[in-house]
């Protein structure tokens, strides 16, 4: 029995080197211009996608648009509906895909 338990244990994961920093993906850091609907929330200046999502989340939290029971669900207000394609609520995963369509 002890042999079976010992065989079931996994080897420890390889440690990452402490000095190696993760390099950001250039496509995420490329500045993109928001659509008119998105510019109402994040501003008209070109921003990297990461900053657009950060500002959008800040707006969502400030306005209290996260669903109380399911925090992954976002309820759209009048400013977010055009960005969400007219949907009343979307998941946070859908949101990033819909926001990407609003950037050029």
N, C-alpha and C. Protein backbone atom coordinates (compact mmCIF):
# COMPACT_ATOMS: atom_id res chain seq x y z
N UNK A 1 0.82 -1.19 0.00
CA UNK A 1 0.00 0.00 0.00
C UNK A 1 0.86 1.25 0.00
N UNK A 2 1.91 1.30 0.78
CA UNK A 2 2.77 2.48 0.86
C UNK A 2 3.42 2.76 -0.49
N UNK A 3 3.72 1.70 -1.27
CA UNK A 3 4.33 1.88 -2.58
C UNK A 3 3.37 2.59 -3.53
N UNK A 4 2.08 2.28 -3.45
CA UNK A 4 1.10 2.93 -4.31
C UNK A 4 0.99 4.41 -3.99
N UNK A 5 0.99 4.77 -2.70
CA UNK A 5 0.90 6.17 -2.30
C UNK A 5 2.12 6.94 -2.75
N UNK A 6 3.29 6.33 -2.63
CA UNK A 6 4.53 7.00 -3.04
C UNK A 6 4.55 7.22 -4.54
N UNK A 7 4.02 6.28 -5.31
CA UNK A 7 4.00 6.40 -6.77
C UNK A 7 3.02 7.48 -7.20
N UNK A 8 1.98 7.73 -6.42
CA UNK A 8 0.95 8.69 -6.78
C UNK A 8 1.41 10.14 -6.58
N UNK A 9 2.42 10.34 -5.73
CA UNK A 9 2.91 11.70 -5.48
C UNK A 9 3.59 12.24 -6.74
N UNK A 10 3.35 13.51 -7.00
CA UNK A 10 3.97 14.15 -8.15
C UNK A 10 5.32 14.74 -7.75
N UNK A 11 6.18 14.85 -8.74
CA UNK A 11 7.46 15.51 -8.50
C UNK A 11 7.20 17.00 -8.33
N UNK A 12 7.98 17.70 -7.50
CA UNK A 12 7.76 19.13 -7.31
C UNK A 12 7.97 19.89 -8.62
N UNK A 13 7.20 20.94 -8.82
CA UNK A 13 7.30 21.75 -10.03
C UNK A 13 8.66 22.44 -10.09
N UNK A 14 9.14 22.63 -11.28
CA UNK A 14 10.43 23.30 -11.46
C UNK A 14 10.30 24.75 -11.01
N UNK A 15 11.28 25.23 -10.28
CA UNK A 15 11.27 26.59 -9.78
C UNK A 15 11.72 27.55 -10.87
N UNK A 16 11.06 28.71 -10.94
CA UNK A 16 11.48 29.74 -11.89
C UNK A 16 12.65 30.49 -11.29
N UNK A 17 13.49 30.98 -12.15
CA UNK A 17 14.62 31.75 -11.63
C UNK A 17 14.11 33.07 -11.09
N UNK A 18 14.63 33.50 -9.99
CA UNK A 18 14.16 34.69 -9.30
C UNK A 18 14.44 35.96 -10.11
N UNK A 19 15.53 36.00 -10.87
CA UNK A 19 15.91 37.20 -11.60
C UNK A 19 15.18 37.38 -12.91
N UNK A 20 14.54 36.34 -13.43
CA UNK A 20 13.88 36.44 -14.74
C UNK A 20 12.52 37.11 -14.60
N UNK A 21 12.35 38.25 -15.29
CA UNK A 21 11.07 38.95 -15.28
C UNK A 21 10.29 38.59 -16.52
N UNK A 22 8.97 38.57 -16.39
CA UNK A 22 8.13 38.26 -17.52
C UNK A 22 8.09 39.45 -18.47
N UNK A 23 8.26 39.17 -19.75
CA UNK A 23 8.26 40.24 -20.74
C UNK A 23 6.83 40.42 -21.25
N UNK A 24 6.29 41.67 -21.22
CA UNK A 24 4.91 41.87 -21.68
C UNK A 24 4.78 41.65 -23.18
N UNK A 25 3.63 41.12 -23.58
CA UNK A 25 3.36 40.87 -24.98
C UNK A 25 3.17 42.21 -25.69
N UNK A 26 3.87 42.42 -26.79
CA UNK A 26 3.84 43.69 -27.49
C UNK A 26 2.45 44.04 -28.02
N UNK A 27 1.65 43.04 -28.40
CA UNK A 27 0.32 43.33 -28.93
C UNK A 27 -0.61 43.88 -27.85
N UNK A 28 -0.41 43.51 -26.60
CA UNK A 28 -1.22 44.06 -25.52
C UNK A 28 -0.80 45.48 -25.19
N UNK A 29 0.45 45.81 -25.42
CA UNK A 29 0.97 47.13 -25.06
C UNK A 29 0.79 48.15 -26.19
N UNK A 30 0.38 47.70 -27.37
CA UNK A 30 0.18 48.60 -28.51
C UNK A 30 -1.00 49.52 -28.21
N UNK A 31 -0.80 50.82 -28.39
CA UNK A 31 -1.88 51.77 -28.12
C UNK A 31 -2.92 51.70 -29.23
N UNK A 32 -4.18 51.64 -28.80
CA UNK A 32 -5.30 51.54 -29.75
C UNK A 32 -6.32 52.63 -29.44
N UNK A 33 -6.99 53.10 -30.48
CA UNK A 33 -7.97 54.17 -30.33
C UNK A 33 -9.34 53.58 -30.01
N UNK A 34 -9.99 54.05 -28.92
CA UNK A 34 -11.31 53.54 -28.57
C UNK A 34 -12.40 54.12 -29.48
N UNK A 35 -13.49 53.38 -29.64
CA UNK A 35 -14.64 53.87 -30.40
C UNK A 35 -15.28 55.01 -29.61
N UNK A 36 -16.23 55.70 -30.24
CA UNK A 36 -16.89 56.83 -29.58
C UNK A 36 -17.61 56.39 -28.30
N UNK A 37 -18.27 55.22 -28.35
CA UNK A 37 -19.00 54.72 -27.17
C UNK A 37 -18.03 54.38 -26.03
N UNK A 38 -16.92 53.77 -26.37
CA UNK A 38 -15.93 53.40 -25.35
C UNK A 38 -15.19 54.63 -24.84
N UNK A 39 -15.01 55.63 -25.70
CA UNK A 39 -14.30 56.85 -25.32
C UNK A 39 -15.05 57.62 -24.23
N UNK A 40 -16.37 57.44 -24.14
CA UNK A 40 -17.14 58.10 -23.08
C UNK A 40 -16.71 57.62 -21.70
N UNK A 41 -16.20 56.41 -21.63
CA UNK A 41 -15.81 55.83 -20.34
C UNK A 41 -14.30 55.96 -20.11
N UNK A 42 -13.49 55.61 -21.11
CA UNK A 42 -12.04 55.56 -20.91
C UNK A 42 -11.29 56.78 -21.44
N UNK A 43 -11.97 57.64 -22.18
CA UNK A 43 -11.33 58.82 -22.75
C UNK A 43 -10.95 58.58 -24.21
N UNK A 44 -10.76 59.65 -24.97
CA UNK A 44 -10.53 59.52 -26.41
C UNK A 44 -9.08 59.21 -26.82
N UNK A 45 -8.14 59.34 -25.89
CA UNK A 45 -6.73 59.11 -26.24
C UNK A 45 -6.45 57.63 -26.49
N UNK A 46 -5.53 57.34 -27.41
CA UNK A 46 -5.12 55.94 -27.63
C UNK A 46 -4.49 55.35 -26.36
N UNK A 47 -4.89 54.14 -26.03
CA UNK A 47 -4.40 53.44 -24.83
C UNK A 47 -4.12 51.99 -25.17
N UNK A 48 -3.19 51.35 -24.41
CA UNK A 48 -3.02 49.91 -24.56
C UNK A 48 -4.28 49.19 -24.06
N UNK A 49 -4.53 48.01 -24.59
CA UNK A 49 -5.71 47.23 -24.19
C UNK A 49 -5.77 47.02 -22.68
N UNK A 50 -4.62 46.80 -22.08
CA UNK A 50 -4.59 46.55 -20.64
C UNK A 50 -5.13 47.74 -19.86
N UNK A 51 -4.77 48.95 -20.29
CA UNK A 51 -5.25 50.16 -19.62
C UNK A 51 -6.74 50.37 -19.84
N UNK A 52 -7.22 50.04 -21.04
CA UNK A 52 -8.65 50.17 -21.34
C UNK A 52 -9.45 49.28 -20.40
N UNK A 53 -9.01 48.05 -20.24
CA UNK A 53 -9.72 47.11 -19.35
C UNK A 53 -9.65 47.59 -17.91
N UNK A 54 -8.51 48.12 -17.47
CA UNK A 54 -8.38 48.64 -16.11
C UNK A 54 -9.37 49.77 -15.87
N UNK A 55 -9.44 50.71 -16.81
CA UNK A 55 -10.34 51.85 -16.66
C UNK A 55 -11.80 51.40 -16.70
N UNK A 56 -12.09 50.42 -17.52
CA UNK A 56 -13.45 49.90 -17.60
C UNK A 56 -13.86 49.25 -16.29
N UNK A 57 -12.95 48.48 -15.70
CA UNK A 57 -13.24 47.84 -14.40
C UNK A 57 -13.41 48.89 -13.31
N UNK A 58 -12.61 49.96 -13.36
CA UNK A 58 -12.75 51.03 -12.37
C UNK A 58 -14.14 51.66 -12.49
N UNK A 59 -14.60 51.87 -13.71
CA UNK A 59 -15.94 52.43 -13.96
C UNK A 59 -17.02 51.48 -13.44
N UNK A 60 -16.88 50.21 -13.74
CA UNK A 60 -17.87 49.20 -13.32
C UNK A 60 -17.97 49.16 -11.80
N UNK A 61 -16.84 49.17 -11.12
CA UNK A 61 -16.86 49.10 -9.66
C UNK A 61 -17.39 50.39 -9.05
N UNK A 62 -17.01 51.55 -9.63
CA UNK A 62 -17.47 52.84 -9.11
C UNK A 62 -19.00 52.96 -9.24
N UNK A 63 -19.54 52.46 -10.34
CA UNK A 63 -20.98 52.55 -10.59
C UNK A 63 -21.75 51.39 -9.94
N UNK A 64 -21.04 50.40 -9.39
CA UNK A 64 -21.68 49.26 -8.74
C UNK A 64 -22.43 48.37 -9.73
N UNK A 65 -21.81 48.09 -10.87
CA UNK A 65 -22.47 47.34 -11.93
C UNK A 65 -22.22 45.84 -11.90
N UNK A 66 -21.39 45.37 -10.97
CA UNK A 66 -21.20 43.93 -10.83
C UNK A 66 -22.44 43.33 -10.16
N UNK A 67 -22.85 42.16 -10.62
CA UNK A 67 -24.00 41.49 -10.04
C UNK A 67 -23.68 41.12 -8.59
N UNK A 68 -24.62 41.31 -7.69
CA UNK A 68 -24.38 41.06 -6.26
C UNK A 68 -24.12 39.59 -5.97
N UNK A 69 -24.83 38.68 -6.65
CA UNK A 69 -24.68 37.25 -6.38
C UNK A 69 -23.53 36.64 -7.16
N UNK A 70 -23.44 36.97 -8.44
CA UNK A 70 -22.41 36.41 -9.31
C UNK A 70 -21.49 37.54 -9.76
N UNK A 71 -20.36 37.70 -9.10
CA UNK A 71 -19.44 38.82 -9.37
C UNK A 71 -18.86 38.78 -10.77
N UNK A 72 -18.95 37.64 -11.45
CA UNK A 72 -18.44 37.56 -12.82
C UNK A 72 -19.39 38.19 -13.83
N UNK A 73 -20.60 38.44 -13.40
CA UNK A 73 -21.62 39.02 -14.27
C UNK A 73 -21.61 40.54 -14.14
N UNK A 74 -21.67 41.25 -15.26
CA UNK A 74 -21.67 42.71 -15.26
C UNK A 74 -22.99 43.19 -15.85
N UNK A 75 -23.68 44.04 -15.11
CA UNK A 75 -24.94 44.61 -15.57
C UNK A 75 -24.64 45.91 -16.28
N UNK A 76 -25.13 46.05 -17.50
CA UNK A 76 -24.84 47.23 -18.31
C UNK A 76 -25.74 48.40 -17.94
N UNK A 77 -25.13 49.60 -17.89
CA UNK A 77 -25.92 50.82 -17.76
C UNK A 77 -26.03 51.42 -19.16
N UNK A 78 -26.54 52.65 -19.27
CA UNK A 78 -26.74 53.27 -20.58
C UNK A 78 -25.44 53.46 -21.36
N UNK A 79 -24.33 53.71 -20.66
CA UNK A 79 -23.04 53.90 -21.34
C UNK A 79 -22.44 52.58 -21.81
N UNK A 80 -22.69 51.50 -21.07
CA UNK A 80 -22.08 50.20 -21.41
C UNK A 80 -22.88 49.41 -22.44
N UNK A 81 -24.17 49.64 -22.55
CA UNK A 81 -24.99 48.86 -23.49
C UNK A 81 -24.47 48.90 -24.92
N UNK A 82 -24.10 50.09 -25.47
CA UNK A 82 -23.57 50.08 -26.85
C UNK A 82 -22.26 49.30 -26.97
N UNK A 83 -21.46 49.29 -25.94
CA UNK A 83 -20.20 48.55 -25.95
C UNK A 83 -20.46 47.06 -25.89
N UNK A 84 -21.48 46.66 -25.14
CA UNK A 84 -21.84 45.25 -24.98
C UNK A 84 -22.76 44.76 -26.08
N UNK A 85 -22.91 45.51 -27.14
CA UNK A 85 -23.74 45.09 -28.26
C UNK A 85 -25.22 45.06 -27.92
N UNK A 86 -25.66 45.94 -27.02
CA UNK A 86 -27.07 46.01 -26.64
C UNK A 86 -27.49 45.02 -25.57
N UNK A 87 -26.56 44.18 -25.11
CA UNK A 87 -26.91 43.19 -24.08
C UNK A 87 -27.08 43.88 -22.73
N UNK A 88 -28.02 43.35 -21.93
CA UNK A 88 -28.30 43.90 -20.61
C UNK A 88 -27.22 43.50 -19.60
N UNK A 89 -26.69 42.29 -19.74
CA UNK A 89 -25.59 41.86 -18.87
C UNK A 89 -24.71 40.85 -19.61
N UNK A 90 -23.42 40.86 -19.26
CA UNK A 90 -22.43 39.96 -19.86
C UNK A 90 -21.50 39.45 -18.78
N UNK A 91 -20.80 38.37 -19.08
CA UNK A 91 -19.78 37.88 -18.14
C UNK A 91 -18.51 38.68 -18.35
N UNK A 92 -17.62 38.65 -17.38
CA UNK A 92 -16.37 39.40 -17.51
C UNK A 92 -15.52 38.88 -18.66
N UNK A 93 -15.69 37.61 -19.03
CA UNK A 93 -14.93 37.04 -20.14
C UNK A 93 -15.48 37.54 -21.48
N UNK A 94 -16.81 37.63 -21.57
CA UNK A 94 -17.43 38.19 -22.77
C UNK A 94 -17.05 39.66 -22.93
N UNK A 95 -16.96 40.36 -21.81
CA UNK A 95 -16.67 41.78 -21.83
C UNK A 95 -15.36 42.08 -22.56
N UNK A 96 -14.31 41.33 -22.27
CA UNK A 96 -13.02 41.61 -22.91
C UNK A 96 -13.10 41.40 -24.41
N UNK A 97 -13.84 40.40 -24.87
CA UNK A 97 -14.00 40.18 -26.31
C UNK A 97 -14.79 41.32 -26.95
N UNK A 98 -15.84 41.78 -26.27
CA UNK A 98 -16.64 42.87 -26.80
C UNK A 98 -15.87 44.19 -26.81
N UNK A 99 -15.03 44.40 -25.81
CA UNK A 99 -14.24 45.63 -25.75
C UNK A 99 -13.20 45.64 -26.87
N UNK A 100 -12.62 44.50 -27.17
CA UNK A 100 -11.63 44.43 -28.25
C UNK A 100 -12.22 44.85 -29.59
N UNK A 101 -13.52 44.60 -29.79
CA UNK A 101 -14.18 45.01 -31.03
C UNK A 101 -14.34 46.53 -31.09
N UNK A 102 -14.27 47.20 -29.93
CA UNK A 102 -14.43 48.65 -29.87
C UNK A 102 -13.10 49.41 -30.02
N UNK A 103 -12.02 48.66 -30.22
CA UNK A 103 -10.69 49.28 -30.36
C UNK A 103 -10.20 49.14 -31.78
N UNK A 104 -9.52 50.19 -32.26
CA UNK A 104 -8.94 50.12 -33.61
C UNK A 104 -7.53 50.67 -33.62
